[in-house]
Amino acid sequence: MVEWLMNTRRLADGAVAIELRGEIDVSHADELRTKLIGIATNLRPVRIVVDMLHVTFVDSSGIGALAAGQNAARTVGVGFAVTNPASFVRQQLRMMGLTDAFGVQG
């Protein structure tokens, strides 16, 4: 089982997609925060899409990293969305009241 994996790619429309796998906890949150803020402020794509289909766990530090990325993106006029959240992730985001802010459907 993969503990943690982050793949980044540029999409044809100019967006940057970040696919996350495994657990996003205190041991990986800083790396994710740094990556998201860096993409927003340095690359300034049209949109950042964080695909969380294969995320098995997220804690408050992981959610904080997503929020920091979303805030950085908003500051420079870059769109931000979380897509395909696994059931547990969707539940965590809903409990924190962040599904709308992160553009999560349902």
Protein backbone atom coordinates (compact mmCIF):
# COMPACT_ATOMS: atom_id res chain seq x y z
CA MET A 1 0.00 0.00 0.00
CA VAL A 2 1.27 3.46 -0.90
CA GLU A 3 1.60 5.66 2.18
CA TRP A 4 1.81 8.91 0.22
CA LEU A 5 2.13 9.96 -3.40
CA MET A 6 1.62 13.30 -5.15
CA ASN A 7 1.63 13.60 -8.95
CA THR A 8 1.32 16.93 -10.72
CA ARG A 9 0.52 17.52 -14.38
CA ARG A 10 -0.52 20.39 -16.63
CA LEU A 11 -3.86 19.92 -18.40
CA ALA A 12 -4.59 21.02 -21.97
CA ASP A 13 -6.75 23.93 -20.78
CA GLY A 14 -3.92 25.39 -18.69
CA ALA A 15 -5.05 23.98 -15.36
CA VAL A 16 -2.73 22.06 -13.06
CA ALA A 17 -4.01 18.75 -11.70
CA ILE A 18 -2.57 17.28 -8.54
CA GLU A 19 -3.39 13.63 -7.89
CA LEU A 20 -2.98 12.56 -4.29
CA ARG A 21 -2.76 8.98 -3.01
CA GLY A 22 -2.59 7.56 0.46
CA GLU A 23 -2.77 9.46 3.72
CA ILE A 24 -2.57 13.22 4.13
CA ASP A 25 -1.57 13.80 7.71
CA VAL A 26 0.89 15.87 9.68
CA SER A 27 3.83 14.07 8.07
CA HIS A 28 2.75 15.16 4.53
CA ALA A 29 0.72 18.32 5.05
CA ASP A 30 3.67 20.73 4.79
CA GLU A 31 4.77 19.22 1.48
CA LEU A 32 1.23 19.54 0.10
CA ARG A 33 0.86 23.11 1.41
CA THR A 34 4.18 24.14 -0.13
CA LYS A 35 3.29 22.54 -3.48
CA LEU A 36 -0.17 24.14 -3.66
CA ILE A 37 1.03 27.61 -2.67
CA GLY A 38 3.96 27.37 -5.08
CA ILE A 39 1.74 26.38 -7.99
CA ALA A 40 -0.71 29.17 -7.25
CA THR A 41 1.86 31.93 -6.79
CA ASN A 42 4.58 30.89 -9.25
CA LEU A 43 2.79 29.08 -12.09
CA ARG A 44 -0.57 30.88 -11.80
CA PRO A 45 -2.52 28.35 -13.86
CA VAL A 46 -6.14 29.00 -14.77
CA ARG A 47 -7.19 26.51 -12.11
CA ILE A 48 -5.76 24.04 -9.60
CA VAL A 49 -7.59 20.72 -9.42
CA VAL A 50 -6.80 18.44 -6.48
CA ASP A 51 -7.90 14.86 -7.23
CA MET A 52 -8.48 12.98 -3.97
CA LEU A 53 -10.00 9.76 -5.30
CA HIS A 54 -7.23 7.62 -3.83
CA VAL A 55 -6.82 9.45 -0.52
CA THR A 56 -7.53 7.02 2.31
CA PHE A 57 -7.18 9.43 5.23
CA VAL A 58 -6.97 13.17 5.83
CA ASP A 59 -6.57 14.92 9.17
CA SER A 60 -6.86 18.56 10.17
CA SER A 61 -3.30 19.33 9.03
CA GLY A 62 -4.11 17.96 5.57
CA ILE A 63 -7.30 19.98 5.41
CA GLY A 64 -5.33 23.01 6.56
CA ALA A 65 -2.89 22.46 3.67
CA LEU A 66 -5.80 22.38 1.21
CA ALA A 67 -7.22 25.56 2.75
CA ALA A 68 -3.82 27.30 2.47
CA GLY A 69 -3.64 26.30 -1.19
CA GLN A 70 -7.16 27.50 -1.85
CA ASN A 71 -6.43 30.82 -0.13
CA ALA A 72 -3.23 31.32 -2.12
CA ALA A 73 -5.07 30.51 -5.35
CA ARG A 74 -7.89 32.93 -4.55
CA THR A 75 -5.40 35.69 -3.72
CA VAL A 76 -3.86 35.54 -7.21
CA GLY A 77 -7.11 34.87 -9.08
CA VAL A 78 -6.58 31.16 -9.72
CA GLY A 79 -9.51 28.76 -9.53
CA PHE A 80 -9.32 25.91 -7.02
CA ALA A 81 -11.30 22.70 -6.72
CA VAL A 82 -11.14 19.38 -4.92
CA THR A 83 -12.44 16.55 -7.09
CA ASN A 84 -13.33 12.90 -6.56
CA PRO A 85 -13.05 12.89 -2.79
CA ALA A 86 -13.28 9.41 -1.34
CA SER A 87 -16.18 8.91 1.06
CA PHE A 88 -14.11 9.54 4.19
CA VAL A 89 -12.56 12.69 2.71
CA ARG A 90 -15.95 14.03 1.62
CA GLN A 91 -17.26 13.46 5.14
CA GLN A 92 -14.31 15.30 6.71
CA LEU A 93 -14.69 18.25 4.35
CA ARG A 94 -18.44 18.38 4.98
CA MET A 95 -17.91 18.37 8.77
CA MET A 96 -15.45 21.27 8.42
CA GLY A 97 -17.90 23.19 6.21
CA LEU A 98 -15.46 23.29 3.29
CA THR A 99 -17.25 21.41 0.52
CA ASP A 100 -18.53 24.61 -1.12
CA ALA A 101 -15.26 26.51 -0.66
CA PHE A 102 -13.36 23.66 -2.31
CA GLY A 103 -15.94 23.21 -5.10
CA VAL A 104 -16.84 19.66 -4.02
CA GLN A 105 -20.03 18.37 -5.62
CA GLY A 106 -22.70 16.80 -3.38
